[in-house]
Amino acid sequence: IPLSSGMILLTWQKIAPTALLYQISPSLNMEILILLAILSTMLGGWGGLNQTQMRKVLAYSSIAHMGWTVIIALINPNLTILSLMIYIMTTLTLFMTLNLSSTTKIKSISNLWNKSTPMTMIVFLTMLSLGGLPPLTGFMPKWLILQELIINNNPTMAIIMALSALLNLFFYMRIIYVSSLTMFPTSNNLKHHWFFSQTKTTNMIPTLATISSMLLPLTPILIIMT
């Protein structure tokens, strides 16, 4: 499917079920939520390891992030909304950047260095934020969720969720390593590509990139709000 359609599937269509989950949160069963969260994070982590298509990687990442969104719905529903909002902003940044550069495979990201280095850096920072690497914005919801689990006497679940998050971070780090520190075999002898002027709008990408990577210092304010 086109990148724009994938962006809608992974962002907009999650709002309705998350809103329903938020409304019925007092009547949810914690054991079922824990089971769903473990299955989602493990399936999303293991499924994205051997993928070469960025759309498949982001699809499995979406499954893993839903596990983090679900597990906290009973304990602190406001964190469910915060986690979804940060995920949507980070995913929008990545999809808009990939769509702007017409990048759909990991090999294409390695060729993106020759076209636009700042755009490549935005892609890498956003992927690390999706993986939950501190001190980027994606670390904030994971940190707050783990803290809530420990406060509510679920340290074992917090450890399992933290270890499952390493799977997502690993395949994002693998993509960055393969794209930046290795060269794919290619029949093209020209290293540099002719750079054409962009006709697509890029106004929202700098703002979304800033939000998806630099909001961690605002965590105390968000804690007060939630």
N, C-alpha and C. Protein backbone atom coordinates (compact mmCIF):
# COMPACT_ATOMS: atom_id res chain seq x y z
N ILE A 1 0.84 -1.19 0.00
CA ILE A 1 0.00 0.00 0.00
C ILE A 1 0.88 1.24 0.00
N PRO A 2 0.38 2.39 -0.44
CA PRO A 2 1.16 3.63 -0.40
C PRO A 2 1.49 4.03 1.03
N LEU A 3 2.55 4.82 1.17
CA LEU A 3 2.96 5.26 2.50
C LEU A 3 1.89 6.10 3.18
N SER A 4 1.17 6.90 2.40
CA SER A 4 0.12 7.73 2.99
C SER A 4 -1.00 6.87 3.58
N SER A 5 -1.36 5.78 2.88
CA SER A 5 -2.39 4.88 3.41
C SER A 5 -1.90 4.15 4.65
N GLY A 6 -0.64 3.74 4.64
CA GLY A 6 -0.07 3.11 5.83
C GLY A 6 -0.04 4.05 7.02
N MET A 7 0.22 5.32 6.77
CA MET A 7 0.24 6.32 7.83
C MET A 7 -1.14 6.43 8.48
N ILE A 8 -2.20 6.41 7.67
CA ILE A 8 -3.57 6.49 8.21
C ILE A 8 -3.89 5.23 9.01
N LEU A 9 -3.50 4.07 8.50
CA LEU A 9 -3.80 2.82 9.19
C LEU A 9 -3.13 2.75 10.55
N LEU A 10 -1.91 3.28 10.67
CA LEU A 10 -1.15 3.16 11.91
C LEU A 10 -1.37 4.32 12.87
N THR A 11 -2.07 5.35 12.46
CA THR A 11 -2.27 6.50 13.35
C THR A 11 -3.75 6.78 13.57
N TRP A 12 -4.44 7.22 12.53
CA TRP A 12 -5.82 7.67 12.67
C TRP A 12 -6.74 6.56 13.16
N GLN A 13 -6.55 5.35 12.66
CA GLN A 13 -7.47 4.27 13.01
C GLN A 13 -7.26 3.72 14.42
N LYS A 14 -6.24 4.20 15.11
CA LYS A 14 -6.03 3.77 16.49
C LYS A 14 -6.77 4.66 17.49
N ILE A 15 -7.25 5.80 17.02
CA ILE A 15 -7.87 6.76 17.94
C ILE A 15 -9.18 6.22 18.49
N ALA A 16 -10.03 5.68 17.62
CA ALA A 16 -11.35 5.19 18.05
C ALA A 16 -11.25 4.04 19.06
N PRO A 17 -10.47 2.96 18.79
CA PRO A 17 -10.40 1.89 19.80
C PRO A 17 -9.75 2.34 21.11
N THR A 18 -8.78 3.26 21.02
CA THR A 18 -8.15 3.75 22.25
C THR A 18 -9.13 4.60 23.06
N ALA A 19 -9.95 5.39 22.37
CA ALA A 19 -10.98 6.17 23.07
C ALA A 19 -11.99 5.25 23.76
N LEU A 20 -12.37 4.17 23.08
CA LEU A 20 -13.29 3.20 23.69
C LEU A 20 -12.63 2.53 24.89
N LEU A 21 -11.35 2.19 24.75
CA LEU A 21 -10.61 1.59 25.86
C LEU A 21 -10.54 2.53 27.05
N TYR A 22 -10.38 3.82 26.77
CA TYR A 22 -10.32 4.82 27.83
C TYR A 22 -11.64 4.93 28.57
N GLN A 23 -12.75 4.86 27.84
CA GLN A 23 -14.06 5.01 28.46
C GLN A 23 -14.45 3.82 29.33
N ILE A 24 -14.04 2.61 28.92
CA ILE A 24 -14.42 1.41 29.69
C ILE A 24 -13.29 0.96 30.61
N SER A 25 -12.28 1.80 30.82
CA SER A 25 -11.11 1.40 31.61
C SER A 25 -11.45 0.94 33.03
N PRO A 26 -12.45 1.53 33.75
CA PRO A 26 -12.72 1.03 35.12
C PRO A 26 -13.20 -0.41 35.18
N SER A 27 -13.76 -0.92 34.09
CA SER A 27 -14.31 -2.28 34.12
C SER A 27 -13.39 -3.30 33.45
N LEU A 28 -12.16 -2.93 33.15
CA LEU A 28 -11.24 -3.85 32.48
C LEU A 28 -10.64 -4.85 33.46
N ASN A 29 -10.23 -5.99 32.92
CA ASN A 29 -9.59 -7.04 33.71
C ASN A 29 -8.08 -6.93 33.55
N MET A 30 -7.36 -6.77 34.67
CA MET A 30 -5.92 -6.55 34.61
C MET A 30 -5.18 -7.77 34.05
N GLU A 31 -5.64 -8.98 34.37
CA GLU A 31 -4.96 -10.18 33.87
C GLU A 31 -5.05 -10.27 32.35
N ILE A 32 -6.21 -9.93 31.80
CA ILE A 32 -6.37 -9.95 30.34
C ILE A 32 -5.51 -8.87 29.69
N LEU A 33 -5.43 -7.70 30.32
CA LEU A 33 -4.60 -6.63 29.79
C LEU A 33 -3.13 -7.03 29.78
N ILE A 34 -2.68 -7.68 30.83
CA ILE A 34 -1.28 -8.12 30.91
C ILE A 34 -0.99 -9.14 29.81
N LEU A 35 -1.91 -10.09 29.61
CA LEU A 35 -1.73 -11.10 28.56
C LEU A 35 -1.66 -10.45 27.18
N LEU A 36 -2.59 -9.53 26.90
CA LEU A 36 -2.60 -8.85 25.61
C LEU A 36 -1.33 -8.02 25.41
N ALA A 37 -0.88 -7.36 26.47
CA ALA A 37 0.31 -6.51 26.36
C ALA A 37 1.55 -7.34 26.08
N ILE A 38 1.70 -8.47 26.77
CA ILE A 38 2.88 -9.32 26.54
C ILE A 38 2.86 -9.88 25.12
N LEU A 39 1.69 -10.37 24.68
CA LEU A 39 1.60 -10.92 23.32
C LEU A 39 1.89 -9.85 22.28
N SER A 40 1.39 -8.64 22.48
CA SER A 40 1.60 -7.56 21.50
C SER A 40 3.06 -7.15 21.43
N THR A 41 3.68 -6.94 22.59
CA THR A 41 5.08 -6.49 22.57
C THR A 41 6.02 -7.57 22.04
N MET A 42 5.76 -8.82 22.40
CA MET A 42 6.62 -9.90 21.91
C MET A 42 6.43 -10.13 20.42
N LEU A 43 5.16 -10.15 19.96
CA LEU A 43 4.90 -10.35 18.54
C LEU A 43 5.46 -9.20 17.71
N GLY A 44 5.25 -7.98 18.17
CA GLY A 44 5.79 -6.83 17.44
C GLY A 44 7.30 -6.80 17.42
N GLY A 45 7.93 -7.21 18.54
CA GLY A 45 9.38 -7.20 18.59
C GLY A 45 10.02 -8.27 17.72
N TRP A 46 9.54 -9.52 17.85
CA TRP A 46 10.12 -10.61 17.08
C TRP A 46 9.78 -10.51 15.59
N GLY A 47 8.56 -10.03 15.29
CA GLY A 47 8.15 -9.96 13.89
C GLY A 47 8.92 -8.94 13.08
N GLY A 48 9.40 -7.87 13.71
CA GLY A 48 10.09 -6.84 12.97
C GLY A 48 11.58 -7.06 12.79
N LEU A 49 12.11 -8.18 13.31
CA LEU A 49 13.57 -8.36 13.29
C LEU A 49 14.14 -8.56 11.90
N ASN A 50 13.49 -9.38 11.06
CA ASN A 50 14.07 -9.76 9.77
C ASN A 50 13.37 -9.10 8.59
N GLN A 51 12.78 -7.94 8.80
CA GLN A 51 12.07 -7.26 7.72
C GLN A 51 13.01 -6.31 6.98
N THR A 52 12.77 -6.16 5.69
CA THR A 52 13.53 -5.21 4.87
C THR A 52 12.65 -4.07 4.36
N GLN A 53 11.34 -4.22 4.43
CA GLN A 53 10.41 -3.17 4.02
C GLN A 53 10.09 -2.29 5.23
N MET A 54 10.23 -0.98 5.08
CA MET A 54 9.97 -0.08 6.19
C MET A 54 8.51 -0.13 6.62
N ARG A 55 7.60 -0.38 5.69
CA ARG A 55 6.19 -0.44 6.07
C ARG A 55 5.91 -1.63 6.99
N LYS A 56 6.56 -2.75 6.73
CA LYS A 56 6.39 -3.91 7.60
C LYS A 56 7.02 -3.67 8.97
N VAL A 57 8.18 -3.02 8.97
CA VAL A 57 8.83 -2.70 10.24
C VAL A 57 7.93 -1.81 11.10
N LEU A 58 7.34 -0.79 10.47
CA LEU A 58 6.48 0.12 11.21
C LEU A 58 5.18 -0.56 11.64
N ALA A 59 4.71 -1.52 10.85
CA ALA A 59 3.50 -2.25 11.23
C ALA A 59 3.75 -3.09 12.48
N TYR A 60 4.87 -3.81 12.52
CA TYR A 60 5.20 -4.59 13.71
C TYR A 60 5.50 -3.68 14.90
N SER A 61 6.11 -2.54 14.65
CA SER A 61 6.35 -1.58 15.72
C SER A 61 5.03 -1.06 16.29
N SER A 62 4.05 -0.87 15.43
CA SER A 62 2.72 -0.44 15.88
C SER A 62 2.08 -1.47 16.80
N ILE A 63 2.24 -2.75 16.46
CA ILE A 63 1.71 -3.81 17.31
C ILE A 63 2.36 -3.77 18.69
N ALA A 64 3.68 -3.59 18.71
CA ALA A 64 4.39 -3.54 19.98
C ALA A 64 3.97 -2.33 20.82
N HIS A 65 3.77 -1.19 20.17
CA HIS A 65 3.39 0.00 20.92
C HIS A 65 1.97 -0.12 21.49
N MET A 66 1.10 -0.84 20.82
CA MET A 66 -0.24 -1.03 21.36
C MET A 66 -0.20 -1.83 22.67
N GLY A 67 0.79 -2.69 22.81
CA GLY A 67 0.94 -3.41 24.08
C GLY A 67 1.21 -2.45 25.23
N TRP A 68 2.06 -1.44 24.99
CA TRP A 68 2.34 -0.43 26.01
C TRP A 68 1.10 0.41 26.30
N THR A 69 0.32 0.69 25.27
CA THR A 69 -0.89 1.49 25.45
C THR A 69 -1.95 0.74 26.24
N VAL A 70 -2.05 -0.56 26.01
CA VAL A 70 -3.11 -1.36 26.64
C VAL A 70 -2.82 -1.63 28.11
N ILE A 71 -1.56 -1.91 28.45
CA ILE A 71 -1.26 -2.41 29.79
C ILE A 71 -1.53 -1.39 30.89
N ILE A 72 -1.51 -0.12 30.55
CA ILE A 72 -1.67 0.93 31.55
C ILE A 72 -3.09 1.47 31.59
N ALA A 73 -3.99 0.91 30.76
CA ALA A 73 -5.35 1.47 30.64
C ALA A 73 -6.12 1.40 31.94
N LEU A 74 -5.93 0.36 32.74
CA LEU A 74 -6.66 0.22 33.99
C LEU A 74 -6.02 1.04 35.11
N ILE A 75 -4.69 1.07 35.16
CA ILE A 75 -3.99 1.74 36.25
C ILE A 75 -4.05 3.26 36.10
N ASN A 76 -3.74 3.74 34.91
CA ASN A 76 -3.73 5.19 34.67
C ASN A 76 -4.18 5.44 33.22
N PRO A 77 -5.47 5.62 32.98
CA PRO A 77 -5.96 5.82 31.61
C PRO A 77 -5.37 7.04 30.91
N ASN A 78 -5.00 8.06 31.68
CA ASN A 78 -4.41 9.26 31.06
C ASN A 78 -3.08 8.94 30.38
N LEU A 79 -2.33 7.99 30.95
CA LEU A 79 -1.07 7.59 30.32
C LEU A 79 -1.33 6.86 29.01
N THR A 80 -2.48 6.19 28.90
CA THR A 80 -2.85 5.56 27.64
C THR A 80 -2.97 6.60 26.53
N ILE A 81 -3.64 7.71 26.83
CA ILE A 81 -3.81 8.78 25.85
C ILE A 81 -2.47 9.43 25.54
N LEU A 82 -1.64 9.67 26.58
CA LEU A 82 -0.33 10.28 26.36
C LEU A 82 0.55 9.40 25.48
N SER A 83 0.55 8.09 25.76
CA SER A 83 1.35 7.16 24.96
C SER A 83 0.89 7.15 23.51
N LEU A 84 -0.42 7.17 23.29
CA LEU A 84 -0.93 7.18 21.91
C LEU A 84 -0.58 8.47 21.19
N MET A 85 -0.68 9.60 21.88
CA MET A 85 -0.37 10.88 21.25
C MET A 85 1.09 10.96 20.82
N ILE A 86 1.98 10.53 21.70
CA ILE A 86 3.41 10.57 21.36
C ILE A 86 3.71 9.59 20.23
N TYR A 87 3.07 8.41 20.25
CA TYR A 87 3.28 7.45 19.17
C TYR A 87 2.80 8.01 17.84
N ILE A 88 1.63 8.67 17.83
CA ILE A 88 1.08 9.21 16.59
C ILE A 88 1.99 10.30 16.04
N MET A 89 2.48 11.19 16.90
CA MET A 89 3.36 12.27 16.42
C MET A 89 4.67 11.71 15.87
N THR A 90 5.22 10.73 16.55
CA THR A 90 6.48 10.14 16.08
C THR A 90 6.28 9.38 14.78
N THR A 91 5.20 8.63 14.66
CA THR A 91 4.92 7.88 13.44
C THR A 91 4.62 8.81 12.27
N LEU A 92 3.90 9.89 12.54
CA LEU A 92 3.64 10.88 11.49
C LEU A 92 4.93 11.47 10.96
N THR A 93 5.85 11.79 11.86
CA THR A 93 7.14 12.34 11.43
C THR A 93 7.87 11.37 10.51
N LEU A 94 7.92 10.11 10.92
CA LEU A 94 8.65 9.12 10.13
C LEU A 94 7.98 8.87 8.79
N PHE A 95 6.66 8.74 8.77
CA PHE A 95 5.96 8.48 7.51
C PHE A 95 6.06 9.67 6.56
N MET A 96 5.93 10.89 7.09
CA MET A 96 6.03 12.06 6.22
C MET A 96 7.43 12.20 5.64
N THR A 97 8.45 11.88 6.41
CA THR A 97 9.82 11.95 5.90
C THR A 97 10.07 10.88 4.86
N LEU A 98 9.60 9.66 5.12
CA LEU A 98 9.77 8.58 4.14
C LEU A 98 8.98 8.87 2.87
N ASN A 99 7.79 9.44 3.01
CA ASN A 99 6.98 9.77 1.85
C ASN A 99 7.63 10.88 1.03
N LEU A 100 8.24 11.85 1.71
CA LEU A 100 8.89 12.95 1.01
C LEU A 100 10.07 12.46 0.18
N SER A 101 10.80 11.49 0.71
CA SER A 101 11.97 10.97 0.01
C SER A 101 11.66 9.72 -0.81
N SER A 102 10.39 9.29 -0.83
CA SER A 102 9.97 8.08 -1.56
C SER A 102 10.80 6.87 -1.15
N THR A 103 10.96 6.70 0.15
CA THR A 103 11.77 5.61 0.71
C THR A 103 10.85 4.55 1.28
N THR A 104 11.00 3.32 0.79
CA THR A 104 10.18 2.22 1.28
C THR A 104 11.00 1.04 1.78
N LYS A 105 12.29 0.99 1.48
CA LYS A 105 13.14 -0.12 1.90
C LYS A 105 14.34 0.40 2.67
N ILE A 106 14.96 -0.51 3.43
CA ILE A 106 16.16 -0.14 4.17
C ILE A 106 17.28 0.27 3.22
N LYS A 107 17.35 -0.39 2.07
CA LYS A 107 18.37 -0.04 1.08
C LYS A 107 18.20 1.40 0.60
N SER A 108 16.96 1.84 0.49
CA SER A 108 16.71 3.21 0.05
C SER A 108 17.19 4.22 1.08
N ILE A 109 17.12 3.86 2.38
CA ILE A 109 17.60 4.77 3.42
C ILE A 109 19.11 4.95 3.31
N SER A 110 19.82 3.88 2.95
CA SER A 110 21.27 4.01 2.79
C SER A 110 21.63 4.92 1.62
N ASN A 111 20.79 4.97 0.60
CA ASN A 111 21.03 5.88 -0.52
C ASN A 111 20.56 7.31 -0.23
N LEU A 112 19.78 7.47 0.84
CA LEU A 112 19.26 8.79 1.17
C LEU A 112 20.34 9.74 1.66
N TRP A 113 21.46 9.18 2.15
CA TRP A 113 22.58 10.02 2.59
C TRP A 113 23.05 10.95 1.48
N ASN A 114 23.07 10.45 0.25
CA ASN A 114 23.58 11.24 -0.87
C ASN A 114 22.58 12.28 -1.36
N LYS A 115 21.32 12.15 -0.96
CA LYS A 115 20.29 13.08 -1.41
C LYS A 115 20.03 14.18 -0.39
N SER A 116 19.87 13.79 0.87
CA SER A 116 19.57 14.77 1.90
C SER A 116 20.02 14.23 3.25
N THR A 117 21.15 14.72 3.72
CA THR A 117 21.67 14.28 5.02
C THR A 117 20.77 14.69 6.18
N PRO A 118 20.24 15.93 6.22
CA PRO A 118 19.33 16.26 7.33
C PRO A 118 18.10 15.36 7.40
N MET A 119 17.56 15.01 6.24
CA MET A 119 16.39 14.13 6.23
C MET A 119 16.74 12.75 6.77
N THR A 120 17.93 12.28 6.45
CA THR A 120 18.37 10.99 6.97
C THR A 120 18.53 11.04 8.48
N MET A 121 19.06 12.13 8.99
CA MET A 121 19.21 12.27 10.44
C MET A 121 17.85 12.31 11.13
N ILE A 122 16.87 12.96 10.51
CA ILE A 122 15.52 12.99 11.08
C ILE A 122 14.94 11.58 11.14
N VAL A 123 15.14 10.79 10.07
CA VAL A 123 14.66 9.41 10.05
C VAL A 123 15.30 8.60 11.17
N PHE A 124 16.60 8.74 11.35
CA PHE A 124 17.30 7.97 12.38
C PHE A 124 16.86 8.38 13.79
N LEU A 125 16.75 9.68 14.04
CA LEU A 125 16.33 10.15 15.36
C LEU A 125 14.90 9.70 15.67
N THR A 126 14.04 9.74 14.66
CA THR A 126 12.65 9.33 14.89
C THR A 126 12.57 7.83 15.15
N MET A 127 13.35 7.03 14.47
CA MET A 127 13.35 5.59 14.72
C MET A 127 13.86 5.29 16.12
N LEU A 128 14.90 5.99 16.56
CA LEU A 128 15.40 5.78 17.92
C LEU A 128 14.37 6.21 18.96
N SER A 129 13.63 7.27 18.66
CA SER A 129 12.57 7.70 19.56
C SER A 129 11.45 6.67 19.62
N LEU A 130 11.08 6.08 18.48
CA LEU A 130 10.08 5.01 18.47
C LEU A 130 10.57 3.81 19.26
N GLY A 131 11.87 3.55 19.23
CA GLY A 131 12.42 2.45 19.99
C GLY A 131 12.49 2.71 21.48
N GLY A 132 12.30 3.97 21.89
CA GLY A 132 12.30 4.29 23.32
C GLY A 132 13.68 4.56 23.88
N LEU A 133 14.59 5.07 23.06
CA LEU A 133 15.95 5.34 23.54
C LEU A 133 15.99 6.70 24.24
N PRO A 134 16.45 6.75 25.50
CA PRO A 134 16.62 8.06 26.14
C PRO A 134 17.80 8.78 25.53
N PRO A 135 17.80 10.13 25.48
CA PRO A 135 16.83 11.04 26.07
C PRO A 135 15.80 11.56 25.07
N LEU A 136 15.31 10.72 24.17
CA LEU A 136 14.35 11.15 23.16
C LEU A 136 12.92 11.04 23.70
N THR A 137 11.99 11.63 22.97
CA THR A 137 10.61 11.72 23.45
C THR A 137 9.97 10.34 23.64
N GLY A 138 10.29 9.38 22.78
CA GLY A 138 9.69 8.06 22.88
C GLY A 138 10.00 7.33 24.17
N PHE A 139 11.03 7.77 24.88
CA PHE A 139 11.37 7.15 26.16
C PHE A 139 10.39 7.56 27.25
N MET A 140 9.75 8.73 27.10
CA MET A 140 8.88 9.26 28.15
C MET A 140 7.70 8.36 28.51
N PRO A 141 6.86 7.94 27.54
CA PRO A 141 5.72 7.08 27.94
C PRO A 141 6.16 5.74 28.52
N LYS A 142 7.23 5.16 27.98
CA LYS A 142 7.71 3.89 28.52
C LYS A 142 8.19 4.06 29.96
N TRP A 143 8.89 5.13 30.22
CA TRP A 143 9.38 5.42 31.56
C TRP A 143 8.23 5.59 32.54
N LEU A 144 7.23 6.39 32.17
CA LEU A 144 6.09 6.64 33.05
C LEU A 144 5.26 5.38 33.27
N ILE A 145 5.10 4.56 32.22
CA ILE A 145 4.34 3.32 32.36
C ILE A 145 5.05 2.34 33.27
N LEU A 146 6.38 2.20 33.10
CA LEU A 146 7.14 1.31 33.99
C LEU A 146 7.07 1.81 35.43
N GLN A 147 7.12 3.11 35.62
CA GLN A 147 7.03 3.67 36.97
C GLN A 147 5.67 3.36 37.60
N GLU A 148 4.60 3.49 36.83
CA GLU A 148 3.27 3.18 37.35
C GLU A 148 3.12 1.70 37.68
N LEU A 149 3.70 0.84 36.85
CA LEU A 149 3.62 -0.59 37.14
C LEU A 149 4.34 -0.94 38.43
N ILE A 150 5.49 -0.34 38.66
CA ILE A 150 6.24 -0.61 39.89
C ILE A 150 5.50 -0.06 41.10
N ILE A 151 4.93 1.13 40.99
CA ILE A 151 4.18 1.72 42.11
C ILE A 151 2.99 0.84 42.48
N ASN A 152 2.35 0.20 41.49
CA ASN A 152 1.19 -0.64 41.73
C ASN A 152 1.55 -2.11 41.93
N ASN A 153 2.78 -2.34 42.42
CA ASN A 153 3.23 -3.69 42.81
C ASN A 153 3.22 -4.68 41.66
N ASN A 154 3.68 -4.23 40.49
CA ASN A 154 3.85 -5.13 39.34
C ASN A 154 5.28 -5.06 38.81
N PRO A 155 6.28 -5.29 39.66
CA PRO A 155 7.67 -5.17 39.18
C PRO A 155 8.04 -6.22 38.14
N THR A 156 7.46 -7.42 38.25
CA THR A 156 7.77 -8.47 37.27
C THR A 156 7.28 -8.07 35.89
N MET A 157 6.08 -7.53 35.83
CA MET A 157 5.53 -7.08 34.55
C MET A 157 6.35 -5.93 33.99
N ALA A 158 6.82 -5.05 34.86
CA ALA A 158 7.65 -3.93 34.40
C ALA A 158 8.95 -4.44 33.79
N ILE A 159 9.54 -5.45 34.39
CA ILE A 159 10.79 -6.02 33.84
C ILE A 159 10.53 -6.67 32.49
N ILE A 160 9.44 -7.43 32.37
CA ILE A 160 9.12 -8.08 31.10
C ILE A 160 8.88 -7.05 30.00
N MET A 161 8.14 -5.99 30.32
CA MET A 161 7.87 -4.95 29.33
C MET A 161 9.15 -4.22 28.92
N ALA A 162 10.04 -3.96 29.89
CA ALA A 162 11.30 -3.30 29.57
C ALA A 162 12.17 -4.17 28.67
N LEU A 163 12.21 -5.46 28.94
CA LEU A 163 13.01 -6.36 28.10
C LEU A 163 12.41 -6.49 26.70
N SER A 164 11.08 -6.50 26.61
CA SER A 164 10.46 -6.59 25.29
C SER A 164 10.71 -5.32 24.47
N ALA A 165 10.85 -4.18 25.16
CA ALA A 165 11.14 -2.94 24.43
C ALA A 165 12.52 -2.97 23.78
N LEU A 166 13.41 -3.80 24.32
CA LEU A 166 14.75 -3.91 23.73
C LEU A 166 14.69 -4.53 22.34
N LEU A 167 13.68 -5.37 22.08
CA LEU A 167 13.54 -5.96 20.75
C LEU A 167 13.27 -4.88 19.71
N ASN A 168 12.36 -3.96 20.03
CA ASN A 168 12.08 -2.86 19.10
C ASN A 168 13.31 -1.99 18.89
N LEU A 169 13.97 -1.67 19.98
CA LEU A 169 15.17 -0.83 19.87
C LEU A 169 16.25 -1.53 19.07
N PHE A 170 16.32 -2.87 19.19
CA PHE A 170 17.35 -3.61 18.46
C PHE A 170 17.13 -3.53 16.95
N PHE A 171 15.89 -3.76 16.48
CA PHE A 171 15.74 -3.75 15.03
C PHE A 171 15.81 -2.35 14.45
N TYR A 172 15.51 -1.32 15.25
CA TYR A 172 15.75 0.04 14.76
C TYR A 172 17.24 0.35 14.71
N MET A 173 17.98 -0.10 15.73
CA MET A 173 19.43 0.08 15.71
C MET A 173 20.07 -0.69 14.56
N ARG A 174 19.51 -1.86 14.25
CA ARG A 174 20.03 -2.65 13.12
C ARG A 174 19.82 -1.92 11.81
N ILE A 175 18.65 -1.29 11.65
CA ILE A 175 18.38 -0.52 10.43
C ILE A 175 19.36 0.63 10.31
N ILE A 176 19.61 1.34 11.41
CA ILE A 176 20.53 2.48 11.38
C ILE A 176 21.95 2.01 11.09
N TYR A 177 22.35 0.89 11.69
CA TYR A 177 23.70 0.36 11.44
C TYR A 177 23.87 -0.04 9.98
N VAL A 178 22.89 -0.77 9.46
CA VAL A 178 23.00 -1.23 8.08
C VAL A 178 22.95 -0.06 7.11
N SER A 179 22.17 0.96 7.43
CA SER A 179 21.98 2.08 6.51
C SER A 179 23.14 3.07 6.54
N SER A 180 23.82 3.17 7.67
CA SER A 180 24.84 4.22 7.79
C SER A 180 26.28 3.69 7.81
N LEU A 181 26.49 2.48 8.30
CA LEU A 181 27.85 1.98 8.46
C LEU A 181 28.20 0.87 7.48
N THR A 182 27.27 0.44 6.66
CA THR A 182 27.56 -0.55 5.63
C THR A 182 27.02 -0.06 4.30
N MET A 183 27.51 -0.64 3.22
CA MET A 183 27.07 -0.28 1.88
C MET A 183 26.41 -1.49 1.23
N PHE A 184 25.21 -1.30 0.70
CA PHE A 184 24.54 -2.38 -0.02
C PHE A 184 25.20 -2.61 -1.37
N PRO A 185 25.24 -3.88 -1.84
CA PRO A 185 25.72 -4.13 -3.21
C PRO A 185 24.82 -3.43 -4.22
N THR A 186 25.42 -2.74 -5.15
CA THR A 186 24.64 -2.00 -6.15
C THR A 186 25.37 -2.00 -7.47
N SER A 187 24.61 -1.96 -8.55
CA SER A 187 25.19 -1.92 -9.89
C SER A 187 25.40 -0.50 -10.37
N ASN A 188 24.99 0.48 -9.58
CA ASN A 188 25.13 1.88 -9.96
C ASN A 188 26.52 2.37 -9.57
N ASN A 189 27.29 2.83 -10.56
CA ASN A 189 28.65 3.29 -10.29
C ASN A 189 28.70 4.73 -9.82
N LEU A 190 27.60 5.44 -9.92
CA LEU A 190 27.56 6.83 -9.49
C LEU A 190 27.15 6.87 -8.02
N LYS A 191 28.01 7.45 -7.20
CA LYS A 191 27.71 7.52 -5.78
C LYS A 191 26.70 8.62 -5.49
N HIS A 192 26.83 9.76 -6.15
CA HIS A 192 25.97 10.90 -5.89
C HIS A 192 24.86 10.97 -6.93
N HIS A 193 23.65 11.17 -6.45
CA HIS A 193 22.51 11.28 -7.34
C HIS A 193 22.18 12.75 -7.59
N TRP A 194 21.58 13.02 -8.75
CA TRP A 194 21.18 14.38 -9.06
C TRP A 194 20.02 14.77 -8.15
N PHE A 195 20.17 15.91 -7.49
CA PHE A 195 19.17 16.33 -6.53
C PHE A 195 18.21 17.31 -7.17
N PHE A 196 16.95 16.89 -7.29
CA PHE A 196 15.92 17.75 -7.85
C PHE A 196 15.24 18.52 -6.73
N SER A 197 14.73 19.68 -7.06
CA SER A 197 14.02 20.47 -6.07
C SER A 197 12.72 19.79 -5.68
N GLN A 198 12.40 19.83 -4.38
CA GLN A 198 11.23 19.14 -3.87
C GLN A 198 9.96 19.91 -4.23
N THR A 199 8.95 19.16 -4.67
CA THR A 199 7.65 19.77 -4.94
C THR A 199 6.65 19.49 -3.82
N LYS A 200 6.98 18.54 -2.92
CA LYS A 200 6.10 18.22 -1.81
C LYS A 200 6.37 19.19 -0.65
N THR A 201 5.34 19.45 0.12
CA THR A 201 5.47 20.36 1.24
C THR A 201 6.25 19.72 2.39
N THR A 202 7.08 20.52 3.04
CA THR A 202 7.90 20.03 4.16
C THR A 202 7.70 20.89 5.40
N ASN A 203 6.64 21.66 5.46
CA ASN A 203 6.47 22.61 6.55
C ASN A 203 6.31 21.94 7.91
N MET A 204 5.62 20.81 7.96
CA MET A 204 5.32 20.17 9.25
C MET A 204 6.45 19.28 9.74
N ILE A 205 7.35 18.85 8.86
CA ILE A 205 8.38 17.89 9.27
C ILE A 205 9.31 18.45 10.34
N PRO A 206 9.86 19.67 10.23
CA PRO A 206 10.74 20.17 11.31
C PRO A 206 10.04 20.26 12.66
N THR A 207 8.78 20.71 12.66
CA THR A 207 8.04 20.82 13.92
C THR A 207 7.79 19.45 14.53
N LEU A 208 7.31 18.50 13.70
CA LEU A 208 7.06 17.15 14.21
C LEU A 208 8.34 16.46 14.65
N ALA A 209 9.44 16.70 13.93
CA ALA A 209 10.72 16.10 14.32
C ALA A 209 11.19 16.63 15.66
N THR A 210 10.97 17.92 15.92
CA THR A 210 11.34 18.49 17.21
C THR A 210 10.49 17.90 18.33
N ILE A 211 9.18 17.77 18.09
CA ILE A 211 8.29 17.21 19.11
C ILE A 211 8.62 15.75 19.39
N SER A 212 8.92 14.98 18.35
CA SER A 212 9.14 13.55 18.51
C SER A 212 10.52 13.20 19.06
N SER A 213 11.37 14.20 19.28
CA SER A 213 12.71 13.89 19.78
C SER A 213 13.16 14.72 20.98
N MET A 214 12.46 15.80 21.32
CA MET A 214 12.98 16.71 22.34
C MET A 214 11.99 17.07 23.43
N LEU A 215 10.97 16.25 23.68
CA LEU A 215 9.97 16.57 24.69
C LEU A 215 10.28 15.98 26.06
N LEU A 216 11.32 15.18 26.18
CA LEU A 216 11.60 14.53 27.46
C LEU A 216 11.79 15.51 28.61
N PRO A 217 12.44 16.69 28.43
CA PRO A 217 12.55 17.63 29.56
C PRO A 217 11.21 18.15 30.07
N LEU A 218 10.15 18.02 29.28
CA LEU A 218 8.84 18.48 29.72
C LEU A 218 8.06 17.41 30.49
N THR A 219 8.71 16.31 30.82
CA THR A 219 8.04 15.21 31.52
C THR A 219 7.38 15.64 32.83
N PRO A 220 8.03 16.45 33.70
CA PRO A 220 7.35 16.86 34.94
C PRO A 220 6.02 17.57 34.69
N ILE A 221 5.96 18.40 33.65
CA ILE A 221 4.71 19.11 33.34
C ILE A 221 3.64 18.11 32.91
N LEU A 222 4.03 17.13 32.10
CA LEU A 222 3.06 16.13 31.64
C LEU A 222 2.61 15.24 32.77
N ILE A 223 3.49 14.98 33.75
CA ILE A 223 3.09 14.18 34.91
C ILE A 223 2.01 14.91 35.70
N ILE A 224 2.17 16.22 35.87
CA ILE A 224 1.17 17.02 36.58
C ILE A 224 -0.16 16.99 35.81
N MET A 225 -0.09 17.05 34.48
CA MET A 225 -1.30 17.07 33.68
C MET A 225 -2.03 15.73 33.72
N THR A 226 -1.27 14.62 33.84
CA THR A 226 -1.90 13.29 33.87
C THR A 226 -2.25 12.86 35.27
